[in-house]
Amino acid sequence: MNNQVESLKNLKALQEEAAKDSRDYKVYYKLGDYYKEQGNVRRAYLSYIHSLYLGNEKEDVTHVSKEIDAIKKETPEYAPQVSILIPSVPVLAQMKAILTATLALKEDSNVIVLLDWEESKEVTDWLKEVKDITLLSVKGLPFHKAYEKAVSLTGAGDDLLILDKGSALLNHALYHLRISLYRDDQIGAVNAVTNGPAYDLTEFETPIKRADGYAIEHNLPGDEHMDPLLVPSCGSILIKRTCWDEINGFDPSFLTLEVAEKDLSFQLISIKKLTYVCHHGYVYTLVQPQNNPARLLDYNYFYVKWDVRLNYSMFSRPEILALITDPTDTPLKVLDVGCACGASLLAIKNKFPASEPHGIELDPGSWSIASKLFPVTQGNVEQDLDYPKEYFDYIIFGDVLEHLNQPEAVLVNMKRYLKPGGMILASIPNIMHISVIGDLLNGAFTYQDSGILDRTHLRFFTKGEIIKMFSRAGYEILDTGNTRVWVSDDQMHLINKLCALSTSETDAFLAYQYLVKAKR
């Protein structure tokens, strides 16, 4: 144990050293030595490669090269190679800026395949003159065929960095994505992060250079910068070649990279692999026009294929999970009721590695995904549950109680599964929110597909009624918070009038959901 603690201290010291000067090649050489000592030869190799790329002193470069050559010779299976796939953009100035930045930071990439959709003759003619890329015309090819052909031009064992359309590499991004991919065998792909859309740009090199300055400061070593995802949010993704081959690449039915990559992550879950977002793998993306009809078709097909909607059931609930304040090494047992596809369960396991997450989910599509990751029961929480008595430290109800016929009875029943002193964590919509009250004053109480008046809600609550329900069920409420959404000036004016006419305070109309932490 002491050796492990000392090892972590050494790693932390190296990470702090990198933060002072992220382009100091000697730090990455030391990181290579550290990973080599820890037995993660792949990470050692990648750190040596990054040190070699940044290095500028001949003697040190020679020394690092010997380490790299030794790994390639003695254990070539621990020397992962990578190829980069870049889709063309129709604006020449953008294409030039993207390639200039990416080629400067390609490090030891085997092959860079430029998929040219030939949307612009000017771009195509220029690309034919560019060195260090393999130009592939994919004009008229279906989306999946274009990438299938591009992959065939890469090395047989190369991991694949698929850049989003309009995306350019920034400092350290390739290194951090690659080293994150080899943190452990559970990881099948890693997702970059990128900027928000920047419209009306007339010049493209300057914003990329500015973003590169940000990357030098923020693309820093550290596994704490990684989080598991159900689906990627950025279109730039690095996938292990073994995983790509096992799932046979992109599903032929998808038309857009955005949704095809989300499907890719679900396919990875099917083979017990996860996608992680790397907050320290920042790339820059120049906004591109979207093919909205194709995107809509892809969203619909994703639902048909997986019985899960992409704009629902995919996200963790950090505002609820923030109520768990135990030390991160605590071996918690947690039950998430209505866990959807398991995003919160993933977040719990990531933050509390020794934890034992469980779930209950009624929806068959969501259950089929979550159950591949954790022990998840497909069923109704209002029926008998097959869990040991006094087993869980926490039971989570994230926007669930309002869907139940007898929420109070469920809370009473849940006490038997909580340890003494165990907690219920819940989020519950507030029927007094000004958006509802304002409509009600005008005679409207219209159910919707989502939100406070979700058409599947059976029960409605105010803060006072929530407190009464938990108290009657035998719980001590330790904390109540709330989430909020934007309100207009007119709504705020109405709130002030309502407060003048009642005993309610402003918060009663501003709270969108109440967050409850209650002790058995």
Protein backbone atom coordinates (compact mmCIF):
# COMPACT_ATOMS: atom_id res chain seq x y z
CA MET A 1 0.00 0.00 0.00
CA ASN A 2 2.83 2.44 0.85
CA ASN A 3 4.44 1.78 -2.54
CA GLN A 4 1.13 2.51 -4.25
CA VAL A 5 0.70 5.79 -2.37
CA GLU A 6 4.27 6.82 -3.16
CA SER A 7 3.72 5.94 -6.82
CA LEU A 8 0.63 8.15 -6.99
CA LYS A 9 2.56 10.99 -5.37
CA ASN A 10 5.24 10.67 -8.03
CA LEU A 11 2.62 10.73 -10.78
CA LYS A 12 0.96 13.78 -9.27
CA ALA A 13 4.32 15.56 -9.12
CA LEU A 14 4.90 14.84 -12.83
CA GLN A 15 1.43 16.13 -13.70
CA GLU A 16 2.10 19.32 -11.75
CA GLU A 17 5.40 19.66 -13.60
CA ALA A 18 3.58 19.37 -16.93
CA ALA A 19 1.10 22.04 -15.84
CA LYS A 20 3.97 24.51 -15.43
CA ASP A 21 5.17 23.92 -18.99
CA SER A 22 3.07 21.47 -20.96
CA ARG A 23 5.54 21.46 -23.86
CA ASP A 24 8.53 20.35 -21.77
CA TYR A 25 9.43 17.08 -23.48
CA LYS A 26 11.41 15.89 -20.45
CA VAL A 27 8.18 15.59 -18.43
CA TYR A 28 6.71 13.13 -20.94
CA TYR A 29 9.91 11.12 -20.93
CA LYS A 30 9.59 10.85 -17.14
CA LEU A 31 5.93 9.89 -17.55
CA GLY A 32 7.06 7.16 -19.94
CA ASP A 33 9.43 5.84 -17.29
CA TYR A 34 6.64 5.98 -14.71
CA TYR A 35 4.18 3.97 -16.83
CA LYS A 36 6.92 1.52 -17.75
CA GLU A 37 7.58 0.88 -14.06
CA GLN A 38 3.83 0.45 -13.48
CA GLY A 39 3.64 -2.18 -16.23
CA ASN A 40 1.51 -0.13 -18.67
CA VAL A 41 3.91 -0.38 -21.60
CA ARG A 42 1.41 1.08 -24.08
CA ARG A 43 1.13 4.26 -22.07
CA ALA A 44 4.90 4.32 -21.65
CA TYR A 45 5.34 4.01 -25.42
CA LEU A 46 2.90 6.84 -26.13
CA SER A 47 4.57 9.11 -23.57
CA TYR A 48 7.97 8.44 -25.13
CA ILE A 49 6.49 9.20 -28.57
CA HIS A 50 5.12 12.54 -27.34
CA SER A 51 8.47 13.36 -25.71
CA LEU A 52 10.24 12.58 -28.98
CA TYR A 53 7.83 14.80 -30.91
CA LEU A 54 8.40 17.73 -28.51
CA GLY A 55 12.12 17.11 -27.97
CA ASN A 56 14.77 19.53 -29.15
CA GLU A 57 18.05 18.33 -27.59
CA LYS A 58 19.91 15.78 -29.67
CA GLU A 59 21.24 13.67 -26.79
CA ASP A 60 17.82 13.38 -25.15
CA VAL A 61 16.10 12.66 -28.45
CA THR A 62 18.54 9.82 -29.10
CA HIS A 63 17.88 8.38 -25.64
CA VAL A 64 14.09 8.52 -26.08
CA SER A 65 14.38 6.95 -29.53
CA LYS A 66 16.19 3.98 -28.00
CA GLU A 67 13.32 3.43 -25.53
CA ILE A 68 10.80 3.55 -28.38
CA ASP A 69 12.82 1.18 -30.58
CA ALA A 70 13.23 -1.26 -27.69
CA ILE A 71 9.45 -1.47 -27.14
CA LYS A 72 8.82 -1.90 -30.87
CA LYS A 73 11.39 -4.69 -31.05
CA GLU A 74 10.72 -6.54 -27.79
CA THR A 75 6.96 -6.07 -27.41
CA PRO A 76 5.53 -4.69 -30.68
CA GLU A 77 2.01 -5.50 -29.48
CA TYR A 78 2.48 -2.72 -26.89
CA ALA A 79 3.35 -0.08 -29.49
CA PRO A 80 -0.09 1.13 -30.68
CA GLN A 81 -0.17 2.90 -34.02
CA VAL A 82 -2.79 5.41 -35.17
CA SER A 83 -4.20 6.70 -38.44
CA ILE A 84 -6.26 9.87 -38.82
CA LEU A 85 -9.38 10.21 -40.98
CA ILE A 86 -10.30 13.78 -41.99
CA PRO A 87 -13.42 14.70 -44.00
CA SER A 88 -13.08 17.55 -46.48
CA VAL A 89 -14.86 20.89 -46.12
CA PRO A 90 -16.03 22.94 -49.11
CA VAL A 91 -14.35 26.22 -48.13
CA LEU A 92 -10.70 26.34 -49.22
CA ALA A 93 -9.54 28.71 -46.46
CA GLN A 94 -11.08 26.40 -43.87
CA MET A 95 -9.52 23.30 -45.43
CA LYS A 96 -6.10 24.94 -45.45
CA ALA A 97 -6.38 26.03 -41.80
CA ILE A 98 -7.55 22.58 -40.66
CA LEU A 99 -4.81 20.69 -42.47
CA THR A 100 -2.07 23.12 -41.50
CA ALA A 101 -2.91 22.69 -37.80
CA THR A 102 -3.47 18.93 -37.97
CA LEU A 103 -0.39 18.05 -40.00
CA ALA A 104 1.77 20.07 -37.61
CA LEU A 105 0.50 17.94 -34.69
CA LYS A 106 0.17 14.51 -36.30
CA GLU A 107 3.16 13.12 -34.36
CA ASP A 108 3.79 9.49 -35.43
CA SER A 109 0.51 8.91 -37.28
CA ASN A 110 0.83 6.14 -39.83
CA VAL A 111 -1.59 7.41 -42.46
CA ILE A 112 -3.69 10.54 -42.79
CA VAL A 113 -6.64 9.85 -45.07
CA LEU A 114 -8.44 12.90 -46.41
CA LEU A 115 -11.95 11.87 -47.44
CA ASP A 116 -12.80 14.26 -50.25
CA TRP A 117 -16.52 14.56 -50.89
CA GLU A 118 -15.63 16.85 -53.83
CA GLU A 119 -18.05 19.56 -52.78
CA SER A 120 -15.64 22.17 -54.17
CA LYS A 121 -13.37 21.85 -57.21
CA GLU A 122 -11.10 24.52 -55.71
CA VAL A 123 -10.60 22.40 -52.57
CA THR A 124 -10.11 19.18 -54.54
CA ASP A 125 -7.47 20.77 -56.79
CA TRP A 126 -5.58 22.12 -53.78
CA LEU A 127 -5.72 18.80 -51.90
CA LYS A 128 -4.09 17.04 -54.84
CA GLU A 129 -0.97 19.11 -54.20
CA VAL A 130 -0.79 18.50 -50.43
CA LYS A 131 1.97 16.22 -49.19
CA ASP A 132 1.74 13.87 -46.18
CA ILE A 133 -1.89 12.89 -46.83
CA THR A 134 -3.58 10.06 -48.66
CA LEU A 135 -6.30 11.70 -50.75
CA LEU A 136 -9.40 9.55 -51.22
CA SER A 137 -12.28 10.62 -53.44
CA VAL A 138 -15.55 9.50 -51.84
CA LYS A 139 -17.88 11.48 -54.08
CA GLY A 140 -21.23 9.73 -54.42
CA LEU A 141 -20.38 7.01 -51.90
CA PRO A 142 -22.76 6.19 -49.06
CA PHE A 143 -21.45 7.47 -45.73
CA HIS A 144 -20.42 4.08 -44.32
CA LYS A 145 -18.81 3.00 -47.61
CA ALA A 146 -16.67 6.14 -47.63
CA TYR A 147 -15.29 5.36 -44.17
CA GLU A 148 -14.97 1.67 -44.93
CA LYS A 149 -12.80 2.55 -47.91
CA ALA A 150 -10.79 5.07 -45.89
CA VAL A 151 -10.09 2.53 -43.14
CA SER A 152 -8.87 0.03 -45.74
CA LEU A 153 -6.04 2.46 -46.56
CA THR A 154 -4.75 2.50 -42.98
CA GLY A 155 -2.47 -0.02 -41.27
CA ALA A 156 -4.26 -3.24 -40.37
CA GLY A 157 -3.81 -2.70 -36.63
CA ASP A 158 -4.00 1.09 -36.51
CA ASP A 159 -6.30 2.75 -34.01
CA LEU A 160 -8.56 5.23 -35.81
CA LEU A 161 -8.88 8.92 -34.98
CA ILE A 162 -11.99 10.09 -36.82
CA LEU A 163 -12.06 13.88 -36.83
CA ASP A 164 -15.38 15.65 -37.12
CA LYS A 165 -16.02 17.68 -40.24
CA GLY A 166 -14.29 21.03 -39.75
CA SER A 167 -12.16 19.84 -36.80
CA ALA A 168 -8.44 20.43 -36.36
CA LEU A 169 -5.96 18.92 -33.92
CA LEU A 170 -4.55 21.13 -31.18
CA ASN A 171 -1.49 20.76 -28.95
CA HIS A 172 -1.35 17.53 -26.93
CA ALA A 173 -4.84 16.44 -28.06
CA LEU A 174 -3.63 13.41 -29.99
CA TYR A 175 -1.37 12.31 -27.12
CA HIS A 176 -4.06 12.64 -24.47
CA LEU A 177 -6.67 10.87 -26.56
CA ARG A 178 -4.28 7.99 -27.26
CA ILE A 179 -3.01 7.62 -23.71
CA SER A 180 -6.59 7.81 -22.39
CA LEU A 181 -7.58 5.01 -24.76
CA TYR A 182 -5.06 2.76 -23.02
CA ARG A 183 -5.88 3.56 -19.42
CA ASP A 184 -7.47 0.11 -19.12
CA ASP A 185 -8.96 -2.67 -21.22
CA GLN A 186 -12.54 -1.59 -20.52
CA ILE A 187 -12.18 1.47 -22.76
CA GLY A 188 -13.09 1.00 -26.41
CA ALA A 189 -13.13 4.62 -27.59
CA VAL A 190 -12.40 8.13 -26.35
CA ASN A 191 -14.22 11.31 -27.29
CA ALA A 192 -12.57 14.70 -27.70
CA VAL A 193 -14.12 17.96 -26.49
CA THR A 194 -14.51 21.00 -28.69
CA ASN A 195 -15.65 24.61 -28.76
CA GLY A 196 -19.17 25.87 -29.16
CA PRO A 197 -20.24 27.03 -32.63
CA ALA A 198 -18.54 30.22 -33.85
CA TYR A 199 -20.49 31.79 -36.69
CA ASP A 200 -19.62 34.48 -39.23
CA LEU A 201 -15.86 33.83 -39.20
CA THR A 202 -14.12 35.27 -42.22
CA GLU A 203 -10.60 34.09 -41.35
CA PHE A 204 -9.82 30.71 -39.85
CA GLU A 205 -6.16 30.42 -38.89
CA THR A 206 -6.37 32.95 -36.05
CA PRO A 207 -9.19 31.25 -34.07
CA ILE A 208 -7.39 27.91 -34.38
CA LYS A 209 -4.15 29.49 -33.12
CA ARG A 210 -5.99 31.05 -30.20
CA ALA A 211 -7.56 27.70 -29.37
CA ASP A 212 -4.11 26.13 -29.57
CA GLY A 213 -2.92 28.52 -26.89
CA TYR A 214 -5.80 27.40 -24.71
CA ALA A 215 -4.90 23.76 -25.40
CA ILE A 216 -1.29 24.30 -24.31
CA GLU A 217 -2.61 25.48 -20.95
CA HIS A 218 -5.46 23.00 -20.50
CA ASN A 219 -4.63 19.79 -22.41
CA LEU A 220 -2.73 18.44 -19.39
CA PRO A 221 -2.00 14.91 -18.13
CA GLY A 222 -4.35 13.27 -15.64
CA ASP A 223 -6.90 10.47 -15.61
CA GLU A 224 -9.18 12.66 -13.50
CA HIS A 225 -9.95 14.53 -16.73
CA MET A 226 -11.86 11.51 -18.09
CA ASP A 227 -15.52 10.54 -17.65
CA PRO A 228 -17.52 7.62 -19.09
CA LEU A 229 -20.24 8.41 -21.62
CA LEU A 230 -23.16 6.54 -23.08
CA VAL A 231 -22.78 8.40 -26.38
CA PRO A 232 -20.20 10.95 -27.59
CA SER A 233 -21.10 14.63 -27.65
CA CYS A 234 -18.24 15.72 -29.94
CA GLY A 235 -17.80 14.33 -33.44
CA SER A 236 -14.06 13.67 -33.03
CA ILE A 237 -13.46 10.20 -31.63
CA LEU A 238 -10.56 7.75 -31.29
CA ILE A 239 -11.42 4.05 -31.33
CA LYS A 240 -9.30 0.97 -30.74
CA ARG A 241 -8.86 -0.91 -33.98
CA THR A 242 -9.68 -4.23 -32.34
CA CYS A 243 -13.05 -2.80 -31.28
CA TRP A 244 -13.73 -1.25 -34.69
CA ASP A 245 -13.10 -4.60 -36.34
CA GLU A 246 -15.21 -6.52 -33.82
CA ILE A 247 -18.29 -4.37 -34.41
CA ASN A 248 -17.60 -4.04 -38.16
CA GLY A 249 -17.38 -0.26 -38.14
CA PHE A 250 -20.27 2.08 -38.85
CA ASP A 251 -23.79 0.75 -39.29
CA PRO A 252 -24.64 1.08 -43.03
CA SER A 253 -28.07 2.58 -42.28
CA PHE A 254 -26.76 5.85 -40.82
CA LEU A 255 -26.23 8.93 -42.97
CA THR A 256 -24.38 11.29 -40.58
CA LEU A 257 -21.16 10.99 -38.63
CA GLU A 258 -22.83 12.46 -35.53
CA VAL A 259 -25.40 9.70 -35.08
CA ALA A 260 -23.24 6.91 -36.51
CA GLU A 261 -20.71 7.59 -33.72
CA LYS A 262 -23.46 7.49 -31.09
CA ASP A 263 -24.52 4.13 -32.49
CA LEU A 264 -20.87 3.09 -32.40
CA SER A 265 -20.76 3.73 -28.64
CA PHE A 266 -23.88 1.62 -28.12
CA GLN A 267 -22.28 -1.14 -30.17
CA LEU A 268 -19.21 -0.90 -27.92
CA ILE A 269 -21.43 -1.32 -24.86
CA SER A 270 -22.77 -4.49 -26.48
CA ILE A 271 -19.23 -5.93 -26.41
CA LYS A 272 -18.62 -4.67 -22.86
CA LYS A 273 -16.53 -1.65 -23.85
CA LEU A 274 -17.06 2.00 -22.90
CA THR A 275 -16.56 5.39 -24.49
CA TYR A 276 -14.88 8.05 -22.34
CA VAL A 277 -14.85 11.78 -22.86
CA CYS A 278 -11.38 13.31 -22.48
CA HIS A 279 -11.71 16.83 -21.14
CA HIS A 280 -7.96 17.20 -21.74
CA GLY A 281 -8.28 16.27 -25.41
CA TYR A 282 -9.50 19.59 -26.82
CA VAL A 283 -9.80 20.04 -30.59
CA TYR A 284 -11.11 23.05 -32.50
CA THR A 285 -14.10 22.81 -34.82
CA LEU A 286 -15.14 25.28 -37.48
CA VAL A 287 -18.93 25.15 -37.65
CA GLN A 288 -20.36 23.41 -40.73
CA PRO A 289 -23.87 23.45 -42.26
CA GLN A 290 -25.88 20.42 -41.10
CA ASN A 291 -27.91 18.09 -43.26
CA ASN A 292 -30.99 18.33 -41.07
CA PRO A 293 -33.18 15.87 -43.02
CA ALA A 294 -30.43 13.21 -42.83
CA ARG A 295 -29.91 13.96 -39.13
CA LEU A 296 -33.63 13.55 -38.42
CA LEU A 297 -33.70 10.26 -40.32
CA ASP A 298 -30.70 9.06 -38.30
CA TYR A 299 -32.33 10.00 -34.98
CA ASN A 300 -35.44 8.09 -35.99
CA TYR A 301 -33.47 5.05 -37.11
CA PHE A 302 -31.47 5.07 -33.88
CA TYR A 303 -34.78 4.82 -32.01
CA VAL A 304 -35.95 1.99 -34.26
CA LYS A 305 -32.68 0.09 -33.77
CA TRP A 306 -32.17 0.56 -30.03
CA ASP A 307 -35.65 1.50 -28.75
CA VAL A 308 -34.03 4.52 -27.07
CA ARG A 309 -34.41 8.21 -27.92
CA LEU A 310 -31.16 10.15 -28.24
CA ASN A 311 -32.56 13.29 -26.62
CA TYR A 312 -33.70 11.33 -23.56
CA SER A 313 -32.30 8.71 -21.16
CA MET A 314 -28.67 9.45 -22.06
CA PHE A 315 -27.46 11.82 -19.38
CA SER A 316 -26.37 11.56 -15.77
CA ARG A 317 -27.85 13.71 -13.02
CA PRO A 318 -24.89 15.59 -11.50
CA GLU A 319 -27.17 17.78 -9.38
CA ILE A 320 -28.49 14.67 -7.62
CA LEU A 321 -25.14 12.88 -7.43
CA ALA A 322 -23.63 15.98 -5.81
CA LEU A 323 -25.72 15.08 -2.75
CA ILE A 324 -23.47 12.04 -2.22
CA THR A 325 -20.67 13.54 -0.14
CA ASP A 326 -18.88 10.39 1.06
CA PRO A 327 -15.11 9.99 0.48
CA THR A 328 -14.46 8.68 -3.03
CA ASP A 329 -12.96 5.41 -1.75
CA THR A 330 -16.17 4.49 0.15
CA PRO A 331 -17.62 1.11 -0.97
CA LEU A 332 -21.14 2.48 -1.45
CA LYS A 333 -24.11 0.40 -2.51
CA VAL A 334 -26.44 2.54 -4.60
CA LEU A 335 -29.79 1.81 -6.26
CA ASP A 336 -30.96 4.17 -9.02
CA VAL A 337 -34.72 3.80 -9.54
CA GLY A 338 -35.58 4.69 -13.13
CA CYS A 339 -31.93 4.57 -14.14
CA ALA A 340 -32.69 4.90 -17.88
CA CYS A 341 -29.64 3.76 -19.89
CA GLY A 342 -27.36 3.92 -16.84
CA ALA A 343 -25.61 7.28 -17.24
CA SER A 344 -25.84 8.11 -13.52
CA LEU A 345 -24.69 4.61 -12.61
CA LEU A 346 -21.61 5.15 -14.79
CA ALA A 347 -20.94 8.49 -13.09
CA ILE A 348 -21.26 6.90 -9.64
CA LYS A 349 -18.86 4.09 -10.50
CA ASN A 350 -16.41 6.57 -11.98
CA LYS A 351 -16.43 8.81 -8.89
CA PHE A 352 -16.62 5.95 -6.37
CA PRO A 353 -14.56 3.08 -7.88
CA ALA A 354 -15.31 0.77 -4.94
CA SER A 355 -19.06 1.33 -5.24
CA GLU A 356 -21.68 -1.23 -6.25
CA PRO A 357 -24.28 0.48 -8.46
CA HIS A 358 -27.66 -1.16 -9.15
CA GLY A 359 -30.65 0.02 -11.13
CA ILE A 360 -34.34 -0.49 -11.80
CA GLU A 361 -35.73 0.45 -15.21
CA LEU A 362 -39.16 -0.24 -16.68
CA ASP A 363 -38.49 0.81 -20.29
CA PRO A 364 -37.18 -2.24 -22.25
CA GLY A 365 -34.88 -0.28 -24.57
CA SER A 366 -33.16 1.63 -21.80
CA TRP A 367 -32.97 -1.50 -19.64
CA SER A 368 -31.28 -3.47 -22.44
CA ILE A 369 -28.40 -0.95 -22.45
CA ALA A 370 -28.10 -0.34 -18.70
CA SER A 371 -28.20 -4.06 -17.92
CA LYS A 372 -25.09 -4.62 -20.04
CA LEU A 373 -23.21 -2.29 -17.71
CA PHE A 374 -24.62 -2.99 -14.23
CA PRO A 375 -27.08 -5.26 -12.38
CA VAL A 376 -30.33 -3.62 -13.49
CA THR A 377 -33.78 -5.06 -12.84
CA GLN A 378 -36.42 -4.58 -15.50
CA GLY A 379 -39.55 -3.91 -13.53
CA ASN A 380 -41.85 -1.62 -11.62
CA VAL A 381 -40.69 -0.17 -8.31
CA GLU A 382 -44.29 -0.32 -7.07
CA GLN A 383 -44.07 -4.11 -7.07
CA ASP A 384 -42.04 -6.38 -4.77
CA LEU A 385 -38.28 -6.04 -5.21
CA ASP A 386 -35.71 -8.80 -4.98
CA TYR A 387 -33.02 -7.02 -2.96
CA PRO A 388 -31.56 -7.94 0.43
CA LYS A 389 -32.93 -6.06 3.41
CA GLU A 390 -30.90 -3.08 4.67
CA TYR A 391 -28.54 -3.34 1.69
CA PHE A 392 -28.23 0.13 0.11
CA ASP A 393 -26.51 3.28 1.33
CA TYR A 394 -28.44 5.40 -1.18
CA ILE A 395 -31.59 4.96 -3.23
CA ILE A 396 -32.08 7.53 -5.99
CA PHE A 397 -35.38 8.71 -7.47
CA GLY A 398 -34.46 11.08 -10.31
CA ASP A 399 -37.79 12.48 -11.55
CA VAL A 400 -39.56 9.21 -10.75
CA LEU A 401 -41.91 9.73 -7.79
CA GLU A 402 -44.28 11.91 -9.83
CA HIS A 403 -44.78 8.99 -12.25
CA LEU A 404 -45.97 6.57 -9.55
CA ASN A 405 -49.49 5.69 -8.47
CA GLN A 406 -48.54 5.59 -4.77
CA PRO A 407 -45.22 7.42 -4.30
CA GLU A 408 -45.57 7.61 -0.52
CA ALA A 409 -46.14 3.86 -0.26
CA VAL A 410 -43.03 3.29 -2.36
CA LEU A 411 -40.98 5.47 -0.01
CA VAL A 412 -42.29 3.49 2.97
CA ASN A 413 -41.39 0.21 1.24
CA MET A 414 -37.90 1.46 0.34
CA LYS A 415 -36.97 1.80 4.01
CA ARG A 416 -36.58 -1.96 4.26
CA TYR A 417 -33.82 -1.89 1.61
CA LEU A 418 -31.89 1.02 3.14
CA LYS A 419 -29.18 0.52 5.70
CA PRO A 420 -29.78 2.20 9.05
CA GLY A 421 -29.03 5.84 8.33
CA GLY A 422 -29.29 5.21 4.57
CA MET A 423 -30.47 8.02 2.31
CA ILE A 424 -33.11 8.71 -0.31
CA LEU A 425 -31.99 11.20 -2.97
CA ALA A 426 -34.75 12.59 -5.16
CA SER A 427 -35.55 15.24 -7.71
CA ILE A 428 -39.22 16.19 -8.00
CA PRO A 429 -40.82 18.76 -10.33
CA ASN A 430 -42.41 21.82 -8.72
CA ILE A 431 -46.01 22.38 -9.82
CA MET A 432 -45.79 25.93 -8.45
CA HIS A 433 -43.19 26.95 -11.02
CA ILE A 434 -44.14 30.22 -12.67
CA SER A 435 -44.35 28.60 -16.12
CA VAL A 436 -47.25 26.45 -14.83
CA ILE A 437 -48.91 29.08 -12.64
CA GLY A 438 -48.79 31.70 -15.39
CA ASP A 439 -50.56 29.37 -17.83
CA LEU A 440 -53.03 28.24 -15.16
CA LEU A 441 -54.04 31.84 -14.49
CA ASN A 442 -54.93 32.06 -18.18
CA GLY A 443 -56.94 28.84 -18.08
CA ALA A 444 -54.30 26.48 -19.50
CA PHE A 445 -53.08 23.24 -17.93
CA THR A 446 -51.75 21.52 -21.03
CA TYR A 447 -49.83 18.26 -20.83
CA GLN A 448 -46.63 18.04 -22.86
CA ASP A 449 -44.05 15.47 -24.01
CA SER A 450 -41.65 16.48 -21.25
CA GLY A 451 -41.23 18.94 -18.39
CA ILE A 452 -43.34 19.64 -15.33
CA LEU A 453 -46.57 18.78 -17.18
CA ASP A 454 -45.16 15.64 -18.77
CA ARG A 455 -48.18 13.66 -19.90
CA THR A 456 -46.92 10.60 -17.99
CA HIS A 457 -46.93 12.41 -14.61
CA LEU A 458 -49.53 11.06 -12.21
CA ARG A 459 -48.72 13.14 -9.13
CA PHE A 460 -47.87 16.82 -8.59
CA PHE A 461 -45.94 18.38 -5.72
CA THR A 462 -45.07 21.64 -4.04
CA LYS A 463 -42.21 21.93 -1.57
CA GLY A 464 -44.57 21.72 1.37
CA GLU A 465 -46.25 18.58 0.07
CA ILE A 466 -42.85 16.96 -0.59
CA ILE A 467 -41.81 17.59 3.02
CA LYS A 468 -45.09 16.16 4.31
CA MET A 469 -44.80 13.04 2.16
CA PHE A 470 -41.28 12.23 3.30
CA SER A 471 -42.15 12.90 6.92
CA ARG A 472 -45.23 10.64 6.81
CA ALA A 473 -43.09 7.94 5.18
CA GLY A 474 -40.69 8.02 8.13
CA TYR A 475 -37.74 10.03 6.82
CA GLU A 476 -35.77 12.93 8.20
CA ILE A 477 -35.12 15.50 5.49
CA LEU A 478 -31.50 16.64 5.73
CA ASP A 479 -31.37 18.97 2.75
CA THR A 480 -33.63 20.51 0.10
CA GLY A 481 -32.25 22.36 -2.88
CA ASN A 482 -33.64 23.18 -6.28
CA THR A 483 -32.82 23.57 -9.93
CA ARG A 484 -33.87 26.60 -11.96
CA VAL A 485 -34.48 27.58 -15.55
CA TRP A 486 -34.56 30.97 -17.23
CA VAL A 487 -37.61 33.14 -16.55
CA SER A 488 -38.66 36.24 -18.46
CA ASP A 489 -39.08 39.74 -17.10
CA ASP A 490 -42.85 39.36 -17.43
CA GLN A 491 -42.76 36.13 -15.42
CA MET A 492 -40.64 37.82 -12.74
CA HIS A 493 -43.13 40.68 -12.58
CA LEU A 494 -45.95 38.16 -12.08
CA ILE A 495 -43.97 36.39 -9.33
CA ASN A 496 -43.68 39.67 -7.42
CA LYS A 497 -47.43 40.18 -7.67
CA LEU A 498 -48.15 36.62 -6.51
CA CYS A 499 -45.83 37.01 -3.53
CA ALA A 500 -47.69 40.19 -2.55
CA LEU A 501 -51.00 38.32 -2.66
CA SER A 502 -49.87 35.19 -0.80
CA THR A 503 -47.58 33.89 1.93
CA SER A 504 -45.27 32.30 -0.68
CA GLU A 505 -41.76 33.58 -1.33
CA THR A 506 -40.04 34.12 -4.67
CA ASP A 507 -38.19 30.79 -4.53
CA ALA A 508 -41.48 28.89 -4.53
CA PHE A 509 -42.15 30.09 -8.08
CA LEU A 510 -38.56 29.90 -9.36
CA ALA A 511 -37.76 26.32 -8.31
CA TYR A 512 -38.15 24.06 -11.35
CA GLN A 513 -37.31 20.86 -9.47
CA TYR A 514 -36.72 20.24 -5.79
CA LEU A 515 -33.72 18.17 -4.74
CA VAL A 516 -34.26 16.16 -1.57
CA LYS A 517 -31.80 14.32 0.65
CA ALA A 518 -33.70 12.33 3.28
CA LYS A 519 -32.42 9.92 5.93
CA ARG A 520 -34.13 6.74 7.00
